[in-house]
Amino acid sequence: MESLSAAQEPGSTILALNSGSSSLKFGLYQVGASRIEMLLSGEAEAIGGTDGKFHAQDSRGNAVHSERISLPSQREAVIRIDRLLADTDLPTPSAIGHRIVHGGPQLRRHCLIDDTVLRQLKAASAFAPLHTPPALSVIDVAKEHFPGLKQVACFDTAFHAELPEVARTLPIPKQFQSEGIERYGFHGLSCESIVRQLGQDLPDRVIIAHLGNGASVTAVKGGKSIDTSMGLTPTGGVVMGTRTGDLDPGVLLYLMREKKFDAAMLEELVDRHSGLLGVSGLGSVVQITHVAAASNADARLAIQMFCYSVRKQVAAMVAALEGVDLIVFTGGIGEHDGEIRAEIYAGLSWVGVSFDEARNRSATNPIGNPASRCGVQVLPSQEDEQIAQHTWDISKKDCID
C-alpha cells in the first residue's frame, strides 16, 4: 500500500503483537484511513528455550537489531520489545493490537479488550490451548508495560464468522452445537490481507492456501469466506508440521481404550508430535529439506502427504465454490517454497491451472501460465498489517463514540 508519513496523521502509530506458542512477532505501523506504513518489525524466537533470538528490521528490510538472548517467557519478550522501541526515535504507539487465534463462541468480531473480553478469552482457552494462553500472557504484560494504551483483540476466526450453515455445522447432536461446537476456521487475518491486497482485482471465486507449519485452505466468494479446512480448532484440516489435520476419531478412541491415553496425552499427540514430524521423524515441513527428502524415504513421504493433503482440500474448495478463478499461495511455505507449490498445483490441471516452471521458481505473478483458465499467484501473508488496521479502526471509532 502507499506509505503515509507520520506528520500527516499524528497519533496513529500502532504496535501489532502476533503471539505464537514459542514466538512473538511484532510490528510498529503508521496507520491512516486507507494507508499504512511499516516503521519497524521483528520477532522474538524460541521463547521458553535456552537459545532464543531477538531481531528487528526497518521499513526497508535493513537489520536494526539482532541478538541471541534467553527469553524464558512472553513477559521477557514484551519487555525486550518495549526497550527496543524506547531506544529508537520512532513515534510511540497510541494503541496495541493482538492476534488472537480463537475467541470461542462469544467473540467473533475484532474488539477492544476489557475485563469482560479477558474473561471470555480465558473461558475459550480450551478451543486453542497451544495459542490462547501465550496470547493472554502477552496481553497482560502489554497492559503493564504500556499503561493507558487501548488494547485490541483481532481474531483469526472473525473472517469466517459468517460461514454458511451447511459449512459451519458439525454432524453432532444439537445440544453440543448450541454450546458453540462448530466450524470456526482460522488464518482469517491472513485471508483478509489477501483480499485487501487483491483489491479491485479480486475475482469472484478465490481459494487461499495458507501454508506454513500450520496450514489451511479457504474458499472465498465475493470477498467472503464460505468454507475452510480447519474446524473447531486449528488442529483439523490439512496435514501440518506437528498437527494431524483431519483424523478418523476412531484413532483417538482406540488410543484411549487400548493404550490408556487421557485428554492431555491425546492433545500432546495430535498437536505436537504428529503431522509431518510424526511421519518423517525429522521435523515439521518447515524443517524437512528437499535434499533430505531425496535420500530419506520417510521425509519424502511426509512432503508428498503434505502436498497431497493440500491438493485434496483445494479440490474440496473448488466444489464449494462451484469452480475457481484464482488460487493464492501464502504463508511461509506458500510464499517461499517453489517445489512445494509445483507439486501441489501439478495435480490441478483439471481446474485450468497451467504450470510455468520459471515463473513459479521466481515467484513472478502470475506463477502459472498467464493464459490459464484459473490464475495462480503468490502473495505475502500480511497478518500484522491487518492487526494494525483493525486496531486503528476500532480505536478511532471508540474515541468518536
Protein backbone atom coordinates (compact mmCIF):
# COMPACT_ATOMS: atom_id res chain seq x y z
CA MET A 1 0.00 0.00 0.00
CA GLU A 2 1.04 3.61 -0.29
CA SER A 3 3.01 4.93 2.64
CA LEU A 4 1.74 7.58 4.98
CA SER A 5 4.12 9.98 6.67
CA ALA A 6 3.91 10.29 10.43
CA ALA A 7 3.42 14.04 10.11
CA GLN A 8 0.27 13.62 8.02
CA GLU A 9 -1.68 11.77 10.65
CA PRO A 10 -0.38 12.11 14.20
CA GLY A 11 -1.50 9.79 16.94
CA SER A 12 -1.99 6.79 14.66
CA THR A 13 1.05 4.69 15.46
CA ILE A 14 0.01 1.10 16.17
CA LEU A 15 2.00 -1.72 17.73
CA ALA A 16 0.90 -5.13 16.43
CA LEU A 17 1.73 -8.17 18.56
CA ASN A 18 1.36 -11.60 16.95
CA SER A 19 1.99 -14.30 19.52
CA GLY A 20 2.67 -17.95 18.83
CA SER A 21 3.26 -20.82 21.22
CA SER A 22 7.01 -20.08 21.35
CA SER A 23 7.42 -16.85 19.40
CA LEU A 24 6.25 -13.25 19.36
CA LYS A 25 6.23 -11.26 16.14
CA PHE A 26 5.80 -7.51 16.36
CA GLY A 27 5.38 -4.57 14.04
CA LEU A 28 5.14 -0.82 14.52
CA TYR A 29 2.90 0.84 11.93
CA GLN A 30 1.75 4.31 10.98
CA VAL A 31 -1.90 3.86 10.02
CA GLY A 32 -4.46 6.05 8.32
CA ALA A 33 -7.93 5.58 6.87
CA SER A 34 -6.67 3.92 3.69
CA ARG A 35 -2.88 3.76 4.00
CA ILE A 36 -0.41 2.00 6.19
CA GLU A 37 3.36 2.21 6.60
CA MET A 38 5.53 -0.26 8.44
CA LEU A 39 8.10 1.53 10.58
CA LEU A 40 9.71 -1.42 12.35
CA SER A 41 9.15 -5.17 12.56
CA GLY A 42 10.77 -8.10 14.26
CA GLU A 43 10.40 -11.30 16.20
CA ALA A 44 11.34 -12.93 19.47
CA GLU A 45 12.03 -16.59 18.72
CA ALA A 46 12.40 -19.75 20.80
CA ILE A 47 10.62 -18.28 23.82
CA GLY A 48 10.92 -20.66 26.73
CA GLY A 49 14.10 -22.23 25.37
CA THR A 50 17.75 -21.62 26.09
CA ASP A 51 18.73 -20.40 22.63
CA GLY A 52 16.38 -17.51 21.97
CA LYS A 53 16.80 -14.90 19.28
CA PHE A 54 15.53 -11.33 19.11
CA HIS A 55 15.80 -9.36 15.88
CA ALA A 56 14.24 -6.37 14.15
CA GLN A 57 14.41 -4.61 10.81
CA ASP A 58 13.33 -1.24 9.47
CA SER A 59 10.83 -0.45 6.73
CA ARG A 60 13.43 -1.18 4.04
CA GLY A 61 14.27 -4.58 5.49
CA ASN A 62 17.59 -3.44 6.92
CA ALA A 63 18.59 -5.10 10.19
CA VAL A 64 18.48 -2.68 13.10
CA HIS A 65 18.99 -5.20 15.88
CA SER A 66 19.87 -8.88 16.30
CA GLU A 67 20.93 -10.78 19.38
CA ARG A 68 20.95 -14.21 20.94
CA ILE A 69 19.09 -13.92 24.21
CA SER A 70 17.36 -16.12 26.75
CA LEU A 71 13.63 -15.41 26.77
CA PRO A 72 12.04 -17.59 29.46
CA SER A 73 8.51 -16.36 28.74
CA GLN A 74 6.39 -13.93 26.74
CA ARG A 75 6.90 -11.41 29.56
CA GLU A 76 10.61 -11.08 28.77
CA ALA A 77 9.82 -10.83 25.04
CA VAL A 78 7.40 -7.92 25.56
CA ILE A 79 9.87 -6.18 27.88
CA ARG A 80 12.54 -6.53 25.19
CA ILE A 81 10.23 -5.02 22.57
CA ASP A 82 9.41 -2.13 24.92
CA ARG A 83 13.13 -1.46 25.43
CA LEU A 84 13.82 -1.57 21.69
CA LEU A 85 11.05 0.96 20.97
CA ALA A 86 12.38 3.24 23.71
CA ASP A 87 15.82 3.17 22.10
CA THR A 88 14.54 4.35 18.71
CA ASP A 89 13.44 7.77 17.55
CA LEU A 90 10.20 6.33 16.17
CA PRO A 91 6.79 7.54 17.40
CA THR A 92 5.46 5.83 20.49
CA PRO A 93 2.41 3.62 19.91
CA SER A 94 -1.04 5.02 20.58
CA ALA A 95 -2.72 1.60 20.68
CA ILE A 96 -1.77 -2.08 20.64
CA GLY A 97 -3.37 -4.82 18.58
CA HIS A 98 -3.13 -8.52 19.41
CA ARG A 99 -3.65 -11.52 17.17
CA ILE A 100 -5.99 -13.94 18.93
CA VAL A 101 -6.37 -17.31 17.25
CA HIS A 102 -9.69 -18.30 18.84
CA GLY A 103 -12.23 -16.22 20.73
CA GLY A 104 -14.71 -19.05 21.19
CA PRO A 105 -18.45 -18.65 20.55
CA GLN A 106 -18.75 -15.28 22.32
CA LEU A 107 -16.02 -13.36 20.50
CA ARG A 108 -16.40 -13.37 16.72
CA ARG A 109 -15.57 -9.73 15.93
CA HIS A 110 -12.39 -7.68 16.50
CA CYS A 111 -12.91 -5.60 19.63
CA LEU A 112 -11.40 -3.52 22.43
CA ILE A 113 -10.05 -5.64 25.27
CA ASP A 114 -11.70 -5.05 28.62
CA ASP A 115 -12.26 -7.23 31.68
CA THR A 116 -15.27 -8.93 30.11
CA VAL A 117 -13.35 -9.79 26.96
CA LEU A 118 -10.46 -11.14 29.04
CA ARG A 119 -12.84 -13.41 30.95
CA GLN A 120 -14.34 -14.67 27.70
CA LEU A 121 -10.89 -15.30 26.25
CA LYS A 122 -9.83 -17.30 29.29
CA ALA A 123 -13.04 -19.32 29.07
CA ALA A 124 -12.29 -20.05 25.40
CA SER A 125 -8.71 -21.23 26.01
CA ALA A 126 -9.76 -24.87 25.59
CA PHE A 127 -10.53 -24.19 21.92
CA ALA A 128 -6.88 -23.28 21.17
CA PRO A 129 -4.67 -24.47 24.05
CA LEU A 130 -1.49 -24.01 22.01
CA HIS A 131 -2.19 -20.38 21.18
CA THR A 132 -4.55 -18.67 23.64
CA PRO A 133 -2.56 -18.93 26.91
CA PRO A 134 0.55 -17.30 25.37
CA ALA A 135 -1.63 -14.58 23.83
CA LEU A 136 -3.26 -13.87 27.19
CA SER A 137 0.17 -13.62 28.77
CA VAL A 138 1.24 -11.09 26.12
CA ILE A 139 -1.90 -9.02 26.74
CA ASP A 140 -1.26 -8.95 30.50
CA VAL A 141 2.35 -7.84 30.08
CA ALA A 142 1.47 -5.29 27.39
CA LYS A 143 -1.12 -3.70 29.69
CA GLU A 144 1.54 -3.48 32.39
CA HIS A 145 4.32 -2.02 30.21
CA PHE A 146 2.14 0.23 28.05
CA PRO A 147 -0.30 1.59 30.64
CA GLY A 148 -3.17 3.67 29.38
CA LEU A 149 -3.00 2.42 25.78
CA LYS A 150 -6.05 0.83 24.19
CA GLN A 151 -5.56 -2.88 23.55
CA VAL A 152 -7.50 -4.51 20.70
CA ALA A 153 -8.16 -8.20 20.09
CA CYS A 154 -8.02 -9.23 16.42
CA PHE A 155 -9.44 -12.70 15.85
CA ASP A 156 -8.37 -15.25 13.26
CA THR A 157 -11.91 -16.60 13.40
CA ALA A 158 -13.57 -13.28 12.50
CA PHE A 159 -13.14 -13.68 8.73
CA HIS A 160 -15.09 -16.94 8.91
CA ALA A 161 -17.82 -15.74 11.29
CA GLU A 162 -20.49 -15.79 8.60
CA LEU A 163 -19.82 -19.23 7.15
CA PRO A 164 -22.98 -20.72 5.62
CA GLU A 165 -24.83 -23.05 7.97
CA VAL A 166 -24.06 -26.07 5.80
CA ALA A 167 -20.31 -25.42 6.18
CA ARG A 168 -20.38 -24.21 9.79
CA THR A 169 -22.46 -27.01 11.36
CA LEU A 170 -20.69 -30.15 12.57
CA PRO A 171 -22.53 -33.51 12.39
CA ILE A 172 -23.03 -33.85 16.15
CA PRO A 173 -26.13 -33.65 18.42
CA LYS A 174 -27.75 -30.24 18.64
CA GLN A 175 -27.05 -29.93 22.36
CA PHE A 176 -23.34 -29.64 21.58
CA GLN A 177 -23.92 -27.35 18.61
CA SER A 178 -25.72 -24.94 20.94
CA GLU A 179 -22.59 -24.83 23.13
CA GLY A 180 -20.56 -23.38 20.26
CA ILE A 181 -19.04 -26.59 18.92
CA GLU A 182 -18.92 -25.78 15.21
CA ARG A 183 -16.50 -24.97 12.41
CA TYR A 184 -14.72 -21.70 13.19
CA GLY A 185 -11.89 -21.55 10.67
CA PHE A 186 -8.53 -19.88 11.18
CA HIS A 187 -5.80 -17.87 9.41
CA GLY A 188 -8.55 -15.29 8.96
CA LEU A 189 -6.24 -12.28 9.30
CA SER A 190 -4.03 -13.75 6.58
CA CYS A 191 -7.05 -14.31 4.33
CA GLU A 192 -8.24 -10.74 4.97
CA SER A 193 -4.83 -9.47 3.93
CA ILE A 194 -5.01 -11.39 0.65
CA VAL A 195 -8.45 -9.97 -0.12
CA ARG A 196 -7.15 -6.48 0.68
CA GLN A 197 -4.06 -6.87 -1.50
CA LEU A 198 -6.10 -8.07 -4.48
CA GLY A 199 -8.37 -5.04 -4.12
CA GLN A 200 -10.19 -4.23 -7.33
CA ASP A 201 -8.60 -7.28 -8.98
CA LEU A 202 -10.32 -9.70 -6.58
CA PRO A 203 -12.20 -12.26 -8.69
CA ASP A 204 -15.47 -13.81 -7.59
CA ARG A 205 -14.08 -17.25 -6.66
CA VAL A 206 -10.74 -17.44 -4.86
CA ILE A 207 -9.00 -20.24 -2.98
CA ILE A 208 -6.39 -19.17 -0.44
CA ALA A 209 -3.80 -21.77 0.58
CA HIS A 210 -2.08 -20.50 3.72
CA LEU A 211 0.83 -22.90 4.06
CA GLY A 212 3.23 -22.83 6.96
CA ASN A 213 3.86 -25.01 9.98
CA GLY A 214 0.13 -24.52 10.42
CA ALA A 215 -1.80 -24.75 7.16
CA SER A 216 -5.33 -24.21 5.91
CA VAL A 217 -7.25 -23.80 2.66
CA THR A 218 -10.15 -21.34 2.40
CA ALA A 219 -12.83 -20.77 -0.23
CA VAL A 220 -13.65 -17.09 -0.75
CA LYS A 221 -16.64 -15.97 -2.82
CA GLY A 222 -17.28 -12.31 -3.40
CA GLY A 223 -14.67 -11.47 -0.76
CA LYS A 224 -16.30 -13.62 1.96
CA SER A 225 -15.30 -16.97 3.40
CA ILE A 226 -17.78 -19.71 2.52
CA ASP A 227 -15.77 -22.74 3.65
CA THR A 228 -12.39 -23.55 5.14
CA SER A 229 -10.40 -26.64 6.03
CA MET A 230 -9.82 -26.07 9.76
CA GLY A 231 -12.73 -26.76 12.06
CA LEU A 232 -13.46 -26.30 15.76
CA THR A 233 -9.74 -25.92 16.46
CA PRO A 234 -6.57 -25.24 14.44
CA THR A 235 -5.76 -28.97 14.58
CA GLY A 236 -8.14 -30.02 11.77
CA GLY A 237 -7.89 -29.94 8.01
CA VAL A 238 -4.60 -30.22 6.14
CA VAL A 239 -1.76 -32.41 7.46
CA MET A 240 0.53 -29.91 9.20
CA GLY A 241 4.02 -29.65 10.64
CA THR A 242 3.25 -31.23 14.02
CA ARG A 243 -0.58 -31.43 13.89
CA THR A 244 -2.56 -34.33 12.47
CA GLY A 245 -5.05 -32.40 10.41
CA ASP A 246 -8.27 -34.35 9.83
CA LEU A 247 -8.12 -37.71 11.59
CA ASP A 248 -10.57 -40.57 11.98
CA PRO A 249 -12.00 -40.11 15.52
CA GLY A 250 -11.77 -43.85 15.87
CA VAL A 251 -7.98 -43.50 16.13
CA LEU A 252 -8.41 -41.43 19.29
CA LEU A 253 -10.95 -43.86 20.71
CA TYR A 254 -8.56 -46.72 20.06
CA LEU A 255 -5.73 -44.91 21.84
CA MET A 256 -7.98 -44.15 24.80
CA ARG A 257 -9.33 -47.67 25.04
CA GLU A 258 -6.29 -49.77 24.20
CA LYS A 259 -3.35 -47.51 25.12
CA LYS A 260 -4.98 -45.74 28.07
CA PHE A 261 -4.40 -42.23 26.67
CA ASP A 262 -6.04 -39.41 28.60
CA ALA A 263 -7.00 -35.95 27.26
CA ALA A 264 -3.58 -34.43 27.94
CA MET A 265 -1.81 -37.28 26.15
CA LEU A 266 -4.14 -37.02 23.16
CA GLU A 267 -3.63 -33.26 22.96
CA GLU A 268 0.15 -33.71 23.04
CA LEU A 269 -0.09 -36.35 20.32
CA VAL A 270 -2.37 -34.57 17.85
CA ASP A 271 -0.88 -31.08 18.29
CA ARG A 272 2.83 -31.55 18.92
CA HIS A 273 4.05 -34.96 17.79
CA SER A 274 2.02 -35.87 14.72
CA GLY A 275 1.70 -34.49 11.19
CA LEU A 276 4.90 -34.39 9.19
CA LEU A 277 7.06 -34.63 12.29
CA GLY A 278 5.35 -37.91 13.14
CA VAL A 279 5.70 -39.28 9.61
CA SER A 280 9.28 -38.21 8.93
CA GLY A 281 10.79 -38.41 12.39
CA LEU A 282 12.90 -35.42 11.32
CA GLY A 283 10.82 -32.34 11.96
CA SER A 284 7.96 -30.28 10.58
CA VAL A 285 7.54 -29.44 6.91
CA VAL A 286 9.50 -26.24 7.51
CA GLN A 287 12.47 -28.26 8.74
CA ILE A 288 12.41 -31.10 6.20
CA THR A 289 14.64 -30.02 3.33
CA HIS A 290 14.18 -31.28 -0.19
CA VAL A 291 17.76 -32.51 -0.06
CA ALA A 292 16.90 -34.72 2.92
CA ALA A 293 13.77 -35.94 1.16
CA ALA A 294 15.83 -37.05 -1.83
CA SER A 295 17.66 -39.62 0.30
CA ASN A 296 15.17 -40.32 3.10
CA ALA A 297 12.01 -42.23 2.24
CA ASP A 298 10.11 -41.05 5.34
CA ALA A 299 10.95 -37.40 4.65
CA ARG A 300 9.90 -37.83 1.03
CA LEU A 301 6.61 -39.40 2.11
CA ALA A 302 6.00 -36.55 4.55
CA ILE A 303 6.34 -33.91 1.83
CA GLN A 304 4.18 -35.96 -0.54
CA MET A 305 1.49 -36.27 2.14
CA PHE A 306 1.55 -32.54 2.78
CA CYS A 307 1.13 -31.70 -0.91
CA TYR A 308 -1.50 -34.39 -1.41
CA SER A 309 -3.47 -33.15 1.59
CA VAL A 310 -3.41 -29.55 0.36
CA ARG A 311 -4.39 -30.63 -3.15
CA LYS A 312 -7.40 -32.55 -1.81
CA GLN A 313 -8.54 -29.53 0.21
CA VAL A 314 -8.16 -27.27 -2.82
CA ALA A 315 -10.36 -29.69 -4.79
CA ALA A 316 -12.94 -29.60 -1.99
CA MET A 317 -13.00 -25.80 -2.10
CA VAL A 318 -13.42 -25.87 -5.88
CA ALA A 319 -16.57 -27.91 -5.26
CA ALA A 320 -17.76 -25.47 -2.58
CA LEU A 321 -17.24 -22.53 -4.96
CA GLU A 322 -18.58 -24.42 -8.00
CA GLY A 323 -15.39 -23.50 -9.83
CA VAL A 324 -12.39 -21.29 -9.18
CA ASP A 325 -10.92 -18.17 -10.79
CA LEU A 326 -7.76 -17.75 -8.72
CA ILE A 327 -5.62 -19.79 -6.33
CA VAL A 328 -3.37 -17.82 -3.97
CA PHE A 329 -0.40 -19.32 -2.12
CA THR A 330 0.64 -17.54 1.05
CA GLY A 331 2.32 -18.27 4.40
CA GLY A 332 5.97 -19.17 4.96
CA ILE A 333 5.91 -22.27 2.74
CA GLY A 334 3.36 -20.99 0.25
CA GLU A 335 5.40 -17.86 -0.39
CA HIS A 336 8.91 -19.30 -0.44
CA ASP A 337 8.89 -22.97 -1.48
CA GLY A 338 8.52 -23.24 -5.24
CA GLU A 339 8.94 -27.03 -5.20
CA ILE A 340 6.04 -27.47 -2.79
CA ARG A 341 3.86 -25.15 -4.88
CA ALA A 342 4.77 -27.01 -8.05
CA GLU A 343 3.91 -30.40 -6.57
CA ILE A 344 0.56 -29.11 -5.33
CA TYR A 345 -0.69 -27.49 -8.50
CA ALA A 346 0.85 -30.03 -10.87
CA GLY A 347 -2.19 -32.14 -9.99
CA LEU A 348 -4.68 -29.33 -10.57
CA SER A 349 -4.63 -29.09 -14.35
CA TRP A 350 -8.26 -30.21 -14.38
CA VAL A 351 -9.32 -26.88 -12.85
CA GLY A 352 -7.47 -24.90 -15.52
CA VAL A 353 -4.11 -24.41 -13.81
CA SER A 354 -1.20 -24.44 -16.26
CA PHE A 355 2.27 -24.88 -14.78
CA ASP A 356 5.05 -22.39 -15.64
CA GLU A 357 8.29 -23.62 -14.07
CA ALA A 358 10.30 -20.41 -14.49
CA ARG A 359 7.58 -18.08 -13.16
CA ASN A 360 6.93 -20.40 -10.23
CA ARG A 361 10.62 -20.62 -9.35
CA SER A 362 10.97 -16.83 -9.27
CA ALA A 363 7.50 -16.29 -7.71
CA THR A 364 6.64 -13.91 -10.55
CA ASN A 365 2.89 -13.34 -10.60
CA PRO A 366 1.01 -14.97 -12.10
CA ILE A 367 3.15 -18.03 -11.32
CA GLY A 368 1.08 -20.18 -13.66
CA ASN A 369 0.76 -19.66 -17.38
CA PRO A 370 -0.84 -16.21 -17.81
CA ALA A 371 -3.24 -17.75 -20.32
CA SER A 372 -4.52 -20.32 -17.80
CA ARG A 373 -8.23 -20.52 -17.20
CA CYS A 374 -7.50 -20.40 -13.44
CA GLY A 375 -4.91 -17.91 -12.23
CA VAL A 376 -2.26 -18.75 -9.62
CA GLN A 377 -0.48 -16.11 -7.54
CA VAL A 378 1.90 -15.87 -4.60
CA LEU A 379 1.08 -13.08 -2.15
CA PRO A 380 2.57 -12.30 1.27
CA SER A 381 0.56 -13.01 4.38
CA GLN A 382 0.22 -9.59 6.00
CA GLU A 383 -1.39 -10.53 9.29
CA ASP A 384 0.37 -7.80 11.25
CA GLU A 385 -0.76 -5.11 8.82
CA GLN A 386 -4.33 -6.33 9.26
CA ILE A 387 -3.94 -6.21 13.04
CA ALA A 388 -2.67 -2.64 12.80
CA GLN A 389 -5.51 -1.57 10.51
CA HIS A 390 -8.23 -3.13 12.68
CA THR A 391 -6.68 -1.66 15.81
CA TRP A 392 -6.64 1.82 14.29
CA ASP A 393 -10.24 1.48 13.07
CA ILE A 394 -11.54 0.28 16.44
CA SER A 395 -9.51 2.76 18.50
CA LYS A 396 -10.64 5.65 16.31
CA LYS A 397 -14.29 4.58 16.50
CA ASP A 398 -14.07 4.25 20.28
CA CYS A 399 -12.71 7.81 20.54
CA ILE A 400 -15.58 9.14 18.40
CA ASP A 401 -18.20 7.19 20.38
